[in-house]
Amino acid sequence: MARSIPRPLRRAELPADTAALARYLIGKSVVRVVADGAMAGRIVETEAYPVGDASCHAFKGRTERNAALFLRRGHAYVYFTYGMWQMLNVSSEHAGVGAGVLIRAVEPVLGIDLMARNRPGASERVIAAGPGRLCQAMAIGSALNGIDLCRSGPLWLGADIREAVAPDAIGVSVRIGISREIDRPLRFYLRGSRYLSGPRSLSP
């Protein structure tokens, strides 16, 4: 049975705390609308980059590049890294406070054929497992930086696609691929999901 496109989350639904938001988004969705149709993925993995965290792009203050992290919670911060990947983050605090949540992986649910077109040869399990793969699969680029994710448009955060995730179904670990503040338990993931990124040892 075809699934309907999830409604945008209201800003009032988003916790005004970075770690709380990262946990809250597990089970919610990322919705991307392009000329050929809509794509949606169930969020199964996030990482929090809170205020004062040395690994957060906002750590040294506001710049032209990271300005979207200082918008009120629920805006997209999209940046290019490693010379090849885009990354989707969600601003996570009050306006003027720099912090964000990285969306690390989604389970493809809607528009899987469109995702496959963007990532030819990738299996459904890994098509959006990892922040760079996710952005490639869902055609998320720098043109969407700063967009309000709490309203309908080309990209938004959507409500649960399936039933709400129980608190004990959310695992916690250290973050992946960073070199500062590496021991903080700020990665959140859906236990048992086959769509996660990173080593399995971090997702028991």
C-alpha atoms as a PDB file:
ATOM      1  CA  MET A   1       0.000   0.000   0.000  1.00  0.00           C
ATOM      2  CA  ALA A   2       1.370   3.415  -0.945  1.00  0.00           C
ATOM      3  CA  ARG A   3       2.347   5.623   1.955  1.00  0.00           C
ATOM      4  CA  SER A   4       1.333   9.259   2.157  1.00  0.00           C
ATOM      5  CA  ILE A   5       3.930  12.007   2.410  1.00  0.00           C
ATOM      6  CA  PRO A   6       4.515  12.881   6.094  1.00  0.00           C
ATOM      7  CA  ARG A   7       3.370  16.299   7.249  1.00  0.00           C
ATOM      8  CA  PRO A   8       6.035  18.836   8.260  1.00  0.00           C
ATOM      9  CA  LEU A   9       6.925  18.880  11.933  1.00  0.00           C
ATOM     10  CA  ARG A  10       5.894  22.052  13.720  1.00  0.00           C
ATOM     11  CA  ARG A  11       8.697  24.025  15.316  1.00  0.00           C
ATOM     12  CA  ALA A  12       6.930  23.806  18.661  1.00  0.00           C
ATOM     13  CA  GLU A  13       7.303  20.020  18.458  1.00  0.00           C
ATOM     14  CA  LEU A  14      11.097  20.253  18.279  1.00  0.00           C
ATOM     15  CA  PRO A  15      12.942  20.223  21.630  1.00  0.00           C
ATOM     16  CA  ALA A  16      15.024  23.376  22.125  1.00  0.00           C
ATOM     17  CA  ASP A  17      18.027  21.333  23.222  1.00  0.00           C
ATOM     18  CA  THR A  18      20.499  19.770  20.818  1.00  0.00           C
ATOM     19  CA  ALA A  19      20.867  16.314  22.370  1.00  0.00           C
ATOM     20  CA  ALA A  20      17.128  16.093  23.036  1.00  0.00           C
ATOM     21  CA  LEU A  21      16.414  17.024  19.420  1.00  0.00           C
ATOM     22  CA  ALA A  22      18.851  14.414  18.111  1.00  0.00           C
ATOM     23  CA  ARG A  23      17.041  11.751  20.117  1.00  0.00           C
ATOM     24  CA  TYR A  24      13.580  13.081  19.197  1.00  0.00           C
ATOM     25  CA  LEU A  25      14.276  12.881  15.468  1.00  0.00           C
ATOM     26  CA  ILE A  26      14.811   9.116  15.526  1.00  0.00           C
ATOM     27  CA  GLY A  27      11.754   7.691  13.759  1.00  0.00           C
ATOM     28  CA  LYS A  28      10.786  11.019  12.207  1.00  0.00           C
ATOM     29  CA  SER A  29      11.404  11.623   8.512  1.00  0.00           C
ATOM     30  CA  VAL A  30      13.281  13.644   5.930  1.00  0.00           C
ATOM     31  CA  VAL A  31      11.105  14.608   2.955  1.00  0.00           C
ATOM     32  CA  ARG A  32      12.580  15.863  -0.334  1.00  0.00           C
ATOM     33  CA  VAL A  33      10.436  17.051  -3.230  1.00  0.00           C
ATOM     34  CA  VAL A  34      11.952  17.296  -6.718  1.00  0.00           C
ATOM     35  CA  ALA A  35      10.506  17.775 -10.188  1.00  0.00           C
ATOM     36  CA  ASP A  36      10.058  14.023 -10.672  1.00  0.00           C
ATOM     37  CA  GLY A  37       8.302  13.377  -7.367  1.00  0.00           C
ATOM     38  CA  ALA A  38       8.830  13.041  -3.628  1.00  0.00           C
ATOM     39  CA  MET A  39      11.311  11.056  -1.570  1.00  0.00           C
ATOM     40  CA  ALA A  40      11.072  10.300   2.125  1.00  0.00           C
ATOM     41  CA  GLY A  41      13.239   8.418   4.559  1.00  0.00           C
ATOM     42  CA  ARG A  42      12.719   7.397   8.154  1.00  0.00           C
ATOM     43  CA  ILE A  43      15.492   8.851  10.308  1.00  0.00           C
ATOM     44  CA  VAL A  44      17.400   6.026  11.985  1.00  0.00           C
ATOM     45  CA  GLU A  45      20.632   7.732  13.039  1.00  0.00           C
ATOM     46  CA  THR A  46      21.603  11.216  14.236  1.00  0.00           C
ATOM     47  CA  GLU A  47      24.462  12.972  16.009  1.00  0.00           C
ATOM     48  CA  ALA A  48      24.231  15.989  18.307  1.00  0.00           C
ATOM     49  CA  TYR A  49      26.725  18.846  18.137  1.00  0.00           C
ATOM     50  CA  PRO A  50      25.693  21.013  21.091  1.00  0.00           C
ATOM     51  CA  VAL A  51      26.711  24.470  22.222  1.00  0.00           C
ATOM     52  CA  GLY A  52      30.373  24.607  23.204  1.00  0.00           C
ATOM     53  CA  ASP A  53      31.269  21.314  21.536  1.00  0.00           C
ATOM     54  CA  ALA A  54      34.677  21.581  19.863  1.00  0.00           C
ATOM     55  CA  SER A  55      33.487  19.351  17.007  1.00  0.00           C
ATOM     56  CA  CYS A  56      30.576  21.662  16.167  1.00  0.00           C
ATOM     57  CA  HIS A  57      31.067  24.023  13.233  1.00  0.00           C
ATOM     58  CA  ALA A  58      29.676  26.827  15.399  1.00  0.00           C
ATOM     59  CA  PHE A  59      32.331  26.371  18.100  1.00  0.00           C
ATOM     60  CA  LYS A  60      34.460  29.372  17.070  1.00  0.00           C
ATOM     61  CA  GLY A  61      31.514  31.649  16.402  1.00  0.00           C
ATOM     62  CA  ARG A  62      29.305  32.702  13.542  1.00  0.00           C
ATOM     63  CA  THR A  63      30.704  32.947  10.028  1.00  0.00           C
ATOM     64  CA  GLU A  64      29.190  33.270   6.581  1.00  0.00           C
ATOM     65  CA  ARG A  65      29.585  29.517   6.108  1.00  0.00           C
ATOM     66  CA  ASN A  66      27.956  28.350   9.351  1.00  0.00           C
ATOM     67  CA  ALA A  67      25.303  31.067   9.718  1.00  0.00           C
ATOM     68  CA  ALA A  68      22.440  28.575   9.304  1.00  0.00           C
ATOM     69  CA  LEU A  69      23.466  26.877  12.563  1.00  0.00           C
ATOM     70  CA  PHE A  70      22.582  30.098  14.377  1.00  0.00           C
ATOM     71  CA  LEU A  71      19.017  30.209  13.072  1.00  0.00           C
ATOM     72  CA  ARG A  72      16.205  29.124  15.377  1.00  0.00           C
ATOM     73  CA  ARG A  73      15.753  25.376  15.591  1.00  0.00           C
ATOM     74  CA  GLY A  74      14.436  23.562  12.549  1.00  0.00           C
ATOM     75  CA  HIS A  75      16.514  25.060   9.728  1.00  0.00           C
ATOM     76  CA  ALA A  76      18.846  23.206   7.375  1.00  0.00           C
ATOM     77  CA  TYR A  77      22.593  23.611   7.585  1.00  0.00           C
ATOM     78  CA  VAL A  78      24.020  21.922   4.493  1.00  0.00           C
ATOM     79  CA  TYR A  79      27.761  21.903   3.986  1.00  0.00           C
ATOM     80  CA  PHE A  80      30.257  20.352   1.587  1.00  0.00           C
ATOM     81  CA  THR A  81      33.082  18.234   2.994  1.00  0.00           C
ATOM     82  CA  TYR A  82      35.886  15.896   1.969  1.00  0.00           C
ATOM     83  CA  GLY A  83      35.723  17.383  -1.510  1.00  0.00           C
ATOM     84  CA  MET A  84      32.774  15.201  -2.488  1.00  0.00           C
ATOM     85  CA  TRP A  85      29.963  14.939   0.098  1.00  0.00           C
ATOM     86  CA  GLN A  86      27.142  17.203   1.244  1.00  0.00           C
ATOM     87  CA  MET A  87      25.929  16.852   4.845  1.00  0.00           C
ATOM     88  CA  LEU A  88      22.454  17.699   6.200  1.00  0.00           C
ATOM     89  CA  ASN A  89      22.211  19.183   9.682  1.00  0.00           C
ATOM     90  CA  VAL A  90      19.319  20.718  11.593  1.00  0.00           C
ATOM     91  CA  SER A  91      19.799  23.900  13.625  1.00  0.00           C
ATOM     92  CA  SER A  92      18.880  22.991  17.161  1.00  0.00           C
ATOM     93  CA  GLU A  93      18.706  25.873  19.623  1.00  0.00           C
ATOM     94  CA  HIS A  94      17.221  29.357  19.875  1.00  0.00           C
ATOM     95  CA  ALA A  95      18.039  32.039  17.297  1.00  0.00           C
ATOM     96  CA  GLY A  96      21.571  33.326  17.746  1.00  0.00           C
ATOM     97  CA  VAL A  97      22.833  30.163  19.462  1.00  0.00           C
ATOM     98  CA  GLY A  98      24.987  27.953  17.240  1.00  0.00           C
ATOM     99  CA  ALA A  99      24.457  24.187  17.434  1.00  0.00           C
ATOM    100  CA  GLY A 100      23.069  21.407  15.279  1.00  0.00           C
ATOM    101  CA  VAL A 101      22.044  17.818  14.706  1.00  0.00           C
ATOM    102  CA  LEU A 102      23.621  15.817  11.879  1.00  0.00           C
ATOM    103  CA  ILE A 103      21.243  13.456  10.086  1.00  0.00           C
ATOM    104  CA  ARG A 104      23.468  10.412   9.577  1.00  0.00           C
ATOM    105  CA  ALA A 105      21.146   7.857   7.989  1.00  0.00           C
ATOM    106  CA  VAL A 106      17.584   7.222   6.879  1.00  0.00           C
ATOM    107  CA  GLU A 107      15.622   4.137   5.941  1.00  0.00           C
ATOM    108  CA  PRO A 108      14.265   4.698   2.404  1.00  0.00           C
ATOM    109  CA  VAL A 109      10.457   4.636   2.410  1.00  0.00           C
ATOM    110  CA  LEU A 110       9.103   6.771  -0.439  1.00  0.00           C
ATOM    111  CA  GLY A 111      10.599   7.508  -3.848  1.00  0.00           C
ATOM    112  CA  ILE A 112      13.166   4.736  -3.600  1.00  0.00           C
ATOM    113  CA  ASP A 113      13.380   4.647  -7.399  1.00  0.00           C
ATOM    114  CA  LEU A 114      14.414   8.307  -7.398  1.00  0.00           C
ATOM    115  CA  MET A 115      17.053   7.641  -4.743  1.00  0.00           C
ATOM    116  CA  ALA A 116      18.389   4.739  -6.803  1.00  0.00           C
ATOM    117  CA  ARG A 117      18.683   7.005  -9.818  1.00  0.00           C
ATOM    118  CA  ASN A 118      20.843   9.357  -7.762  1.00  0.00           C
ATOM    119  CA  ARG A 119      22.988   6.509  -6.386  1.00  0.00           C
ATOM    120  CA  PRO A 120      23.181   3.951  -9.205  1.00  0.00           C
ATOM    121  CA  GLY A 121      24.334   0.507  -8.149  1.00  0.00           C
ATOM    122  CA  ALA A 122      23.783   1.070  -4.418  1.00  0.00           C
ATOM    123  CA  SER A 123      21.631  -1.442  -2.568  1.00  0.00           C
ATOM    124  CA  GLU A 124      18.574  -0.221  -0.697  1.00  0.00           C
ATOM    125  CA  ARG A 125      20.272  -1.023   2.614  1.00  0.00           C
ATOM    126  CA  VAL A 126      23.151   1.403   2.058  1.00  0.00           C
ATOM    127  CA  ILE A 127      21.594   3.875  -0.355  1.00  0.00           C
ATOM    128  CA  ALA A 128      21.187   6.466   2.430  1.00  0.00           C
ATOM    129  CA  ALA A 129      23.342   4.922   5.191  1.00  0.00           C
ATOM    130  CA  GLY A 130      25.751   7.721   6.012  1.00  0.00           C
ATOM    131  CA  PRO A 131      25.319  11.498   5.814  1.00  0.00           C
ATOM    132  CA  GLY A 132      26.999  11.886   2.420  1.00  0.00           C
ATOM    133  CA  ARG A 133      25.092   8.998   0.874  1.00  0.00           C
ATOM    134  CA  LEU A 134      21.851  10.369   2.291  1.00  0.00           C
ATOM    135  CA  CYS A 135      22.362  13.758   0.651  1.00  0.00           C
ATOM    136  CA  GLN A 136      23.388  12.196  -2.641  1.00  0.00           C
ATOM    137  CA  ALA A 137      20.385   9.847  -2.655  1.00  0.00           C
ATOM    138  CA  MET A 138      17.927  12.635  -1.839  1.00  0.00           C
ATOM    139  CA  ALA A 139      19.552  15.323  -4.013  1.00  0.00           C
ATOM    140  CA  ILE A 140      20.275  17.600  -1.048  1.00  0.00           C
ATOM    141  CA  GLY A 141      22.846  20.250  -1.870  1.00  0.00           C
ATOM    142  CA  SER A 142      24.085  23.669  -0.834  1.00  0.00           C
ATOM    143  CA  ALA A 143      21.157  25.420  -2.522  1.00  0.00           C
ATOM    144  CA  LEU A 144      19.014  24.154   0.378  1.00  0.00           C
ATOM    145  CA  ASN A 145      21.280  25.597   3.077  1.00  0.00           C
ATOM    146  CA  GLY A 146      19.239  27.739   5.475  1.00  0.00           C
ATOM    147  CA  ILE A 147      15.835  26.454   4.348  1.00  0.00           C
ATOM    148  CA  ASP A 148      13.082  26.231   6.964  1.00  0.00           C
ATOM    149  CA  LEU A 149      12.509  22.524   7.589  1.00  0.00           C
ATOM    150  CA  CYS A 150       9.243  23.132   9.430  1.00  0.00           C
ATOM    151  CA  ARG A 151       7.166  24.003   6.389  1.00  0.00           C
ATOM    152  CA  SER A 152       6.275  22.350   3.100  1.00  0.00           C
ATOM    153  CA  GLY A 153       8.720  23.027   0.294  1.00  0.00           C
ATOM    154  CA  PRO A 154      11.597  21.247  -1.429  1.00  0.00           C
ATOM    155  CA  LEU A 155      12.886  19.807   1.867  1.00  0.00           C
ATOM    156  CA  TRP A 156      11.370  19.361   5.303  1.00  0.00           C
ATOM    157  CA  LEU A 157      11.393  17.335   8.499  1.00  0.00           C
ATOM    158  CA  GLY A 158       8.339  15.111   8.590  1.00  0.00           C
ATOM    159  CA  ALA A 159       6.337  13.345  11.255  1.00  0.00           C
ATOM    160  CA  ASP A 160       6.628   9.623  11.965  1.00  0.00           C
ATOM    161  CA  ILE A 161       6.125   7.452   8.906  1.00  0.00           C
ATOM    162  CA  ARG A 162       5.343   4.458  11.081  1.00  0.00           C
ATOM    163  CA  GLU A 163       4.496   4.091  14.751  1.00  0.00           C
ATOM    164  CA  ALA A 164       6.373   6.292  17.202  1.00  0.00           C
ATOM    165  CA  VAL A 165       9.690   4.904  18.416  1.00  0.00           C
ATOM    166  CA  ALA A 166       9.709   3.683  22.023  1.00  0.00           C
ATOM    167  CA  PRO A 167      12.403   5.280  24.214  1.00  0.00           C
ATOM    168  CA  ASP A 168      14.100   1.937  24.874  1.00  0.00           C
ATOM    169  CA  ALA A 169      14.410   1.348  21.105  1.00  0.00           C
ATOM    170  CA  ILE A 170      16.882   4.217  20.795  1.00  0.00           C
ATOM    171  CA  GLY A 171      20.542   3.368  21.302  1.00  0.00           C
ATOM    172  CA  VAL A 172      23.306   5.810  22.239  1.00  0.00           C
ATOM    173  CA  SER A 173      27.010   5.758  21.371  1.00  0.00           C
ATOM    174  CA  VAL A 174      29.982   8.006  20.717  1.00  0.00           C
ATOM    175  CA  ARG A 175      29.992   9.919  17.444  1.00  0.00           C
ATOM    176  CA  ILE A 176      31.660   8.730  14.251  1.00  0.00           C
ATOM    177  CA  GLY A 177      34.569  10.201  12.308  1.00  0.00           C
ATOM    178  CA  ILE A 178      35.485  13.149  14.526  1.00  0.00           C
ATOM    179  CA  SER A 179      38.798  14.051  16.156  1.00  0.00           C
ATOM    180  CA  ARG A 180      37.677  16.263  19.055  1.00  0.00           C
ATOM    181  CA  GLU A 181      35.466  15.403  22.026  1.00  0.00           C
ATOM    182  CA  ILE A 182      35.353  11.869  20.692  1.00  0.00           C
ATOM    183  CA  ASP A 183      34.076  10.228  23.880  1.00  0.00           C
ATOM    184  CA  ARG A 184      30.792  12.102  24.263  1.00  0.00           C
ATOM    185  CA  PRO A 185      27.700   9.834  23.924  1.00  0.00           C
ATOM    186  CA  LEU A 186      25.891  12.013  21.401  1.00  0.00           C
ATOM    187  CA  ARG A 187      25.066   9.596  18.583  1.00  0.00           C
ATOM    188  CA  PHE A 188      21.525   8.228  18.611  1.00  0.00           C
ATOM    189  CA  TYR A 189      20.249   5.331  16.518  1.00  0.00           C
ATOM    190  CA  LEU A 190      17.282   3.014  16.074  1.00  0.00           C
ATOM    191  CA  ARG A 191      18.206  -0.340  17.569  1.00  0.00           C
ATOM    192  CA  GLY A 192      18.003  -3.222  15.120  1.00  0.00           C
ATOM    193  CA  SER A 193      17.818  -1.040  12.018  1.00  0.00           C
ATOM    194  CA  ARG A 194      19.643  -2.456   9.021  1.00  0.00           C
ATOM    195  CA  TYR A 195      20.058   1.019   7.522  1.00  0.00           C
ATOM    196  CA  LEU A 196      22.630   2.403   9.963  1.00  0.00           C
ATOM    197  CA  SER A 197      26.073   3.699   9.056  1.00  0.00           C
ATOM    198  CA  GLY A 198      29.341   3.060  10.850  1.00  0.00           C
ATOM    199  CA  PRO A 199      30.770  -0.041  12.509  1.00  0.00           C
ATOM    200  CA  ARG A 200      28.319  -2.540  13.954  1.00  0.00           C
ATOM    201  CA  SER A 201      30.175  -2.431  17.260  1.00  0.00           C
ATOM    202  CA  LEU A 202      28.705   1.040  17.831  1.00  0.00           C
ATOM    203  CA  SER A 203      25.133  -0.100  17.231  1.00  0.00           C
ATOM    204  CA  PRO A 204      24.475  -3.155  19.446  1.00  0.00           C
END
